[in-house]
């Protein structure tokens, strides 16, 4: 991957970091950022040693949503051209949701419009009390269609629709209560709390964590009872007899750290 212009990327051990880096426009999303984020998430997913991707931004605010210059350029494009770019954005969110790695997103300040797609497509979201969220698309006569599948998956239709229709701003406590945010912290402590969450995540079995993510995406929990019993038992049996499952149980019984912690 060539040096990106809109993001910063790095990795250390099993953790990769992607940082939104367009501070002069509050990290607004344009086509270049969409493509660089897509490439970065794809790159880290292919690196066998990477287990977790931390997504955050530089400065005070997480993301102001869609870049207005990019939106203005779209006014001169055909519907087909706009659709092609919209597909790229939708694929970015899908890539995050389906990514083998666990994605932890840390936000503060403004989280506006399409930024909520990045949030909703993440596996875990931590926000400090300064965060202010808004599905602002309706104020511009727009429908937040590409982020909607991921937001609805997190919130359910009624809550998602209420926020999208009103476009009103709401704070971290409301976002957490509804399920858009998983963990909250005091303003100024986002980096510290993110490090604690990362440390905790690294104690989990790598294959088990990826397997839980895959199960949540692919398992049909509406199956009839007998089929659900059969399929869920298959998943558990495969996990318990795996090398990782065996090591986890041995480590527990022997009162030691499991091998994936590097201290087994």
Protein backbone atom coordinates (compact mmCIF):
# COMPACT_ATOMS: atom_id res chain seq x y z
CA UNK A 1 0.00 0.00 0.00
CA UNK A 2 1.42 3.39 -0.97
CA UNK A 3 1.59 6.09 1.69
CA UNK A 4 -2.01 7.23 2.23
CA UNK A 5 -3.03 10.89 2.12
CA UNK A 6 -6.15 10.86 4.31
CA UNK A 7 -5.31 8.29 6.98
CA UNK A 8 -2.35 7.09 9.04
CA UNK A 9 -1.72 3.37 9.45
CA UNK A 10 0.59 1.37 11.70
CA UNK A 11 0.80 -1.98 13.45
CA UNK A 12 2.43 -3.31 16.57
CA UNK A 13 2.22 -6.97 17.36
CA UNK A 14 -1.37 -8.19 17.00
CA UNK A 15 -2.87 -4.67 16.91
CA UNK A 16 -3.14 -2.46 13.83
CA UNK A 17 -4.17 1.19 14.00
CA UNK A 18 -5.99 3.26 11.39
CA UNK A 19 -6.23 6.99 12.12
CA UNK A 20 -8.46 9.39 10.19
CA UNK A 21 -6.17 12.29 9.30
CA UNK A 22 -7.88 15.21 7.56
CA UNK A 23 -7.94 17.61 10.52
CA UNK A 24 -8.55 20.77 8.49
CA UNK A 25 -11.97 19.42 7.47
CA UNK A 26 -12.62 17.48 10.70
CA UNK A 27 -11.73 14.19 8.96
CA UNK A 28 -14.63 14.46 6.52
CA UNK A 29 -15.04 11.44 4.26
CA UNK A 30 -14.25 11.81 0.57
CA UNK A 31 -13.70 9.23 -2.17
CA UNK A 32 -9.96 9.13 -1.52
CA UNK A 33 -10.52 8.35 2.16
CA UNK A 34 -13.06 5.65 1.29
CA UNK A 35 -10.54 3.97 -0.98
CA UNK A 36 -7.67 4.29 1.48
CA UNK A 37 -9.75 2.92 4.34
CA UNK A 38 -10.88 0.03 2.15
CA UNK A 39 -7.29 -0.77 1.22
CA UNK A 40 -6.11 -0.50 4.83
CA UNK A 41 -8.82 -2.78 6.24
CA UNK A 42 -8.14 -5.29 3.44
CA UNK A 43 -4.38 -5.13 4.06
CA UNK A 44 -4.60 -5.78 7.79
CA UNK A 45 -7.17 -8.55 7.35
CA UNK A 46 -4.64 -10.43 5.18
CA UNK A 47 -1.84 -10.11 7.76
CA UNK A 48 -2.04 -13.31 9.78
CA UNK A 49 -0.57 -11.76 12.93
CA UNK A 50 -3.11 -8.94 13.16
CA UNK A 51 -6.05 -9.68 15.45
CA UNK A 52 -7.49 -6.26 16.27
CA UNK A 53 -7.81 -3.02 14.32
CA UNK A 54 -8.16 0.20 16.29
CA UNK A 55 -9.91 2.96 14.34
CA UNK A 56 -9.66 6.52 15.65
CA UNK A 57 -8.86 10.05 14.51
CA UNK A 58 -6.38 12.79 15.24
CA UNK A 59 -7.50 15.84 17.19
CA UNK A 60 -10.74 16.70 18.93
CA UNK A 61 -13.37 15.32 16.55
CA UNK A 62 -13.87 11.85 15.11
CA UNK A 63 -15.46 12.65 11.75
CA UNK A 64 -17.72 15.32 10.24
CA UNK A 65 -19.38 12.94 7.80
CA UNK A 66 -19.25 13.38 4.04
CA UNK A 67 -16.87 16.00 2.64
CA UNK A 68 -18.94 18.86 1.23
CA UNK A 69 -16.55 19.35 -1.70
CA UNK A 70 -17.03 15.71 -2.64
CA UNK A 71 -20.79 16.11 -2.32
CA UNK A 72 -20.69 19.23 -4.46
CA UNK A 73 -18.79 17.39 -7.19
CA UNK A 74 -21.56 14.79 -7.13
CA UNK A 75 -24.07 17.44 -8.16
CA UNK A 76 -22.40 17.48 -11.59
CA UNK A 77 -22.38 13.70 -11.98
CA UNK A 78 -24.95 11.34 -13.43
CA UNK A 79 -26.97 9.07 -11.19
CA UNK A 80 -24.88 6.13 -12.42
CA UNK A 81 -21.61 7.86 -11.48
CA UNK A 82 -22.92 8.72 -8.03
CA UNK A 83 -24.13 5.14 -7.57
CA UNK A 84 -20.65 3.75 -8.37
CA UNK A 85 -19.09 5.92 -5.66
CA UNK A 86 -21.90 5.04 -3.25
CA UNK A 87 -21.22 1.35 -3.86
CA UNK A 88 -17.60 1.92 -2.83
CA UNK A 89 -18.76 3.45 0.45
CA UNK A 90 -21.24 0.64 1.08
CA UNK A 91 -18.51 -1.93 0.41
CA UNK A 92 -16.24 -0.24 2.94
CA UNK A 93 -18.85 -0.69 5.68
CA UNK A 94 -19.45 -4.28 4.59
CA UNK A 95 -15.71 -4.96 4.64
CA UNK A 96 -15.55 -3.74 8.23
CA UNK A 97 -18.50 -5.88 9.28
CA UNK A 98 -17.13 -9.01 7.59
CA UNK A 99 -13.47 -8.37 8.44
CA UNK A 100 -11.70 -11.27 10.14
CA UNK A 101 -10.16 -8.81 12.61
CA UNK A 102 -12.04 -7.35 15.55
CA UNK A 103 -12.55 -3.63 14.92
CA UNK A 104 -12.49 -1.32 17.95
CA UNK A 105 -13.48 2.26 17.15
CA UNK A 106 -12.75 5.12 19.55
CA UNK A 107 -14.63 8.40 19.11
CA UNK A 108 -14.79 11.84 20.64
CA UNK A 109 -16.22 15.17 19.55
CA UNK A 110 -18.47 15.24 16.50
CA UNK A 111 -19.64 11.98 14.93
CA UNK A 112 -21.80 13.19 12.06
CA UNK A 113 -23.65 11.58 9.16
CA UNK A 114 -21.63 8.89 7.43
CA UNK A 115 -19.22 8.74 10.39
CA UNK A 116 -21.95 6.75 12.10
CA UNK A 117 -21.51 4.11 9.41
CA UNK A 118 -17.92 3.61 10.55
CA UNK A 119 -19.19 3.38 14.12
CA UNK A 120 -22.06 0.99 13.40
CA UNK A 121 -19.91 -1.32 11.26
CA UNK A 122 -17.40 -1.74 14.11
CA UNK A 123 -17.42 -4.62 16.57
CA UNK A 124 -16.83 -2.49 19.66
CA UNK A 125 -17.23 1.27 20.07
CA UNK A 126 -15.83 3.37 22.89
CA UNK A 127 -16.80 7.04 23.16
CA UNK A 128 -15.90 9.74 25.63
CA UNK A 129 -18.51 12.04 27.11
CA UNK A 130 -17.64 14.82 24.66
CA UNK A 131 -18.94 12.83 21.68
CA UNK A 132 -21.93 14.31 19.88
CA UNK A 133 -23.73 12.14 17.33
CA UNK A 134 -26.11 13.06 14.52
CA UNK A 135 -27.63 11.41 11.47
CA UNK A 136 -27.62 14.76 9.72
CA UNK A 137 -28.30 13.60 6.15
CA UNK A 138 -32.00 14.50 6.35
CA UNK A 139 -31.06 18.16 6.89
CA UNK A 140 -29.55 18.08 3.38
CA UNK A 141 -32.49 16.26 1.87
CA UNK A 142 -30.53 13.01 1.83
CA UNK A 143 -31.26 9.45 2.95
CA UNK A 144 -28.46 7.68 4.91
CA UNK A 145 -28.95 4.54 2.84
CA UNK A 146 -25.45 3.03 2.77
CA UNK A 147 -25.05 3.19 6.54
CA UNK A 148 -28.62 2.09 7.28
CA UNK A 149 -28.09 -1.72 7.19
CA UNK A 150 -25.32 -1.47 9.78
CA UNK A 151 -27.12 1.07 11.97
CA UNK A 152 -30.33 -0.97 11.93
CA UNK A 153 -28.33 -4.10 12.80
CA UNK A 154 -27.07 -2.34 15.92
CA UNK A 155 -30.16 -0.40 16.94
CA UNK A 156 -33.24 -1.94 15.37
CA UNK A 157 -35.50 -0.15 12.89
CA UNK A 158 -37.50 2.06 15.25
CA UNK A 159 -34.55 3.72 17.00
CA UNK A 160 -32.59 4.09 13.77
CA UNK A 161 -35.56 5.64 11.98
CA UNK A 162 -36.24 8.08 14.82
CA UNK A 163 -32.68 9.43 14.76
CA UNK A 164 -32.49 9.47 10.97
CA UNK A 165 -35.81 11.25 10.50
CA UNK A 166 -35.11 13.93 13.11
CA UNK A 167 -31.41 14.44 12.36
CA UNK A 168 -31.08 15.73 15.91
CA UNK A 169 -27.86 15.65 17.88
CA UNK A 170 -27.50 13.35 20.88
CA UNK A 171 -24.76 12.61 23.39
CA UNK A 172 -22.77 9.56 24.36
CA UNK A 173 -25.07 8.45 27.17
CA UNK A 174 -28.03 8.23 24.78
CA UNK A 175 -25.92 6.52 22.11
CA UNK A 176 -24.76 3.95 24.65
CA UNK A 177 -28.25 3.37 26.00
CA UNK A 178 -29.47 2.60 22.48
CA UNK A 179 -26.50 0.38 21.56
CA UNK A 180 -24.62 2.58 19.08
CA UNK A 181 -21.82 2.88 21.66
CA UNK A 182 -20.65 -0.06 23.79
CA UNK A 183 -18.32 1.63 26.30
CA UNK A 184 -18.14 5.22 27.54
CA UNK A 185 -15.46 7.11 29.42
CA UNK A 186 -14.75 10.56 30.81
CA UNK A 187 -13.60 13.26 28.41
CA UNK A 188 -9.83 13.24 28.05
CA UNK A 189 -9.49 9.54 28.93
CA UNK A 190 -10.30 8.00 25.54
CA UNK A 191 -6.76 6.86 24.76
CA UNK A 192 -6.27 5.39 28.22
CA UNK A 193 -9.59 3.54 28.14
CA UNK A 194 -8.96 2.30 24.60
CA UNK A 195 -5.67 0.79 25.75
CA UNK A 196 -7.47 -1.02 28.59
CA UNK A 197 -10.05 -2.42 26.18
CA UNK A 198 -7.32 -3.57 23.79
CA UNK A 199 -5.49 -5.30 26.64
CA UNK A 200 -8.66 -7.10 27.63
CA UNK A 201 -9.41 -8.13 24.05
CA UNK A 202 -5.97 -9.68 23.67
CA UNK A 203 -6.73 -12.15 26.47
CA UNK A 204 -9.37 -13.82 24.30
CA UNK A 205 -8.59 -16.69 21.96
CA UNK A 206 -7.89 -15.32 18.46
CA UNK A 207 -9.84 -18.01 16.61
CA UNK A 208 -12.66 -17.88 19.14
CA UNK A 209 -13.05 -14.11 18.73
CA UNK A 210 -13.06 -14.38 14.94
CA UNK A 211 -15.45 -17.33 15.23
CA UNK A 212 -17.89 -15.38 17.39
CA UNK A 213 -17.91 -12.59 14.81
CA UNK A 214 -18.52 -15.10 12.01
CA UNK A 215 -21.27 -16.83 14.01
CA UNK A 216 -23.08 -13.56 14.64
CA UNK A 217 -22.99 -12.73 10.93
CA UNK A 218 -23.91 -16.13 9.51
CA UNK A 219 -25.90 -18.09 12.10
CA UNK A 220 -29.64 -17.93 11.57
CA UNK A 221 -31.00 -17.56 15.10
CA UNK A 222 -34.54 -17.87 13.72
CA UNK A 223 -34.01 -21.51 12.75
CA UNK A 224 -36.40 -24.11 14.12
CA UNK A 225 -35.40 -25.47 17.53
CA UNK A 226 -34.02 -28.84 16.35
CA UNK A 227 -31.86 -27.31 13.60
CA UNK A 228 -30.62 -24.62 15.98
CA UNK A 229 -29.62 -27.26 18.52
CA UNK A 230 -27.74 -29.26 15.89
CA UNK A 231 -25.88 -26.36 14.33
CA UNK A 232 -24.97 -24.66 17.60
CA UNK A 233 -23.65 -27.96 18.99
CA UNK A 234 -21.49 -28.38 15.86
CA UNK A 235 -19.91 -24.97 16.41
CA UNK A 236 -19.17 -25.67 20.07
CA UNK A 237 -17.78 -29.14 19.40
CA UNK A 238 -15.48 -27.84 16.66
CA UNK A 239 -14.21 -25.12 18.98
CA UNK A 240 -13.67 -27.39 22.01
CA UNK A 241 -11.65 -29.90 20.01
CA UNK A 242 -9.53 -27.30 18.23
CA UNK A 243 -5.91 -26.61 19.23
CA UNK A 244 -6.92 -23.22 20.61
CA UNK A 245 -9.82 -24.67 22.60
CA UNK A 246 -7.58 -27.38 24.04
CA UNK A 247 -4.90 -24.84 24.99
CA UNK A 248 -7.44 -22.52 26.59
CA UNK A 249 -8.81 -25.28 28.80
CA UNK A 250 -5.33 -26.52 29.77
CA UNK A 251 -4.25 -22.98 30.67
CA UNK A 252 -7.34 -22.52 32.84
CA UNK A 253 -6.82 -25.82 34.67
CA UNK A 254 -3.12 -25.16 35.13
CA UNK A 255 -3.82 -21.61 36.34
CA UNK A 256 -1.58 -19.94 33.76
CA UNK A 257 -1.90 -17.53 30.87
CA UNK A 258 -2.91 -19.08 27.56
CA UNK A 259 -0.26 -19.29 24.84
CA UNK A 260 -1.86 -16.56 22.70
CA UNK A 261 -1.03 -14.04 25.42
CA UNK A 262 2.66 -14.70 24.86
CA UNK A 263 2.94 -15.76 28.50
CA UNK A 264 1.76 -19.33 28.32
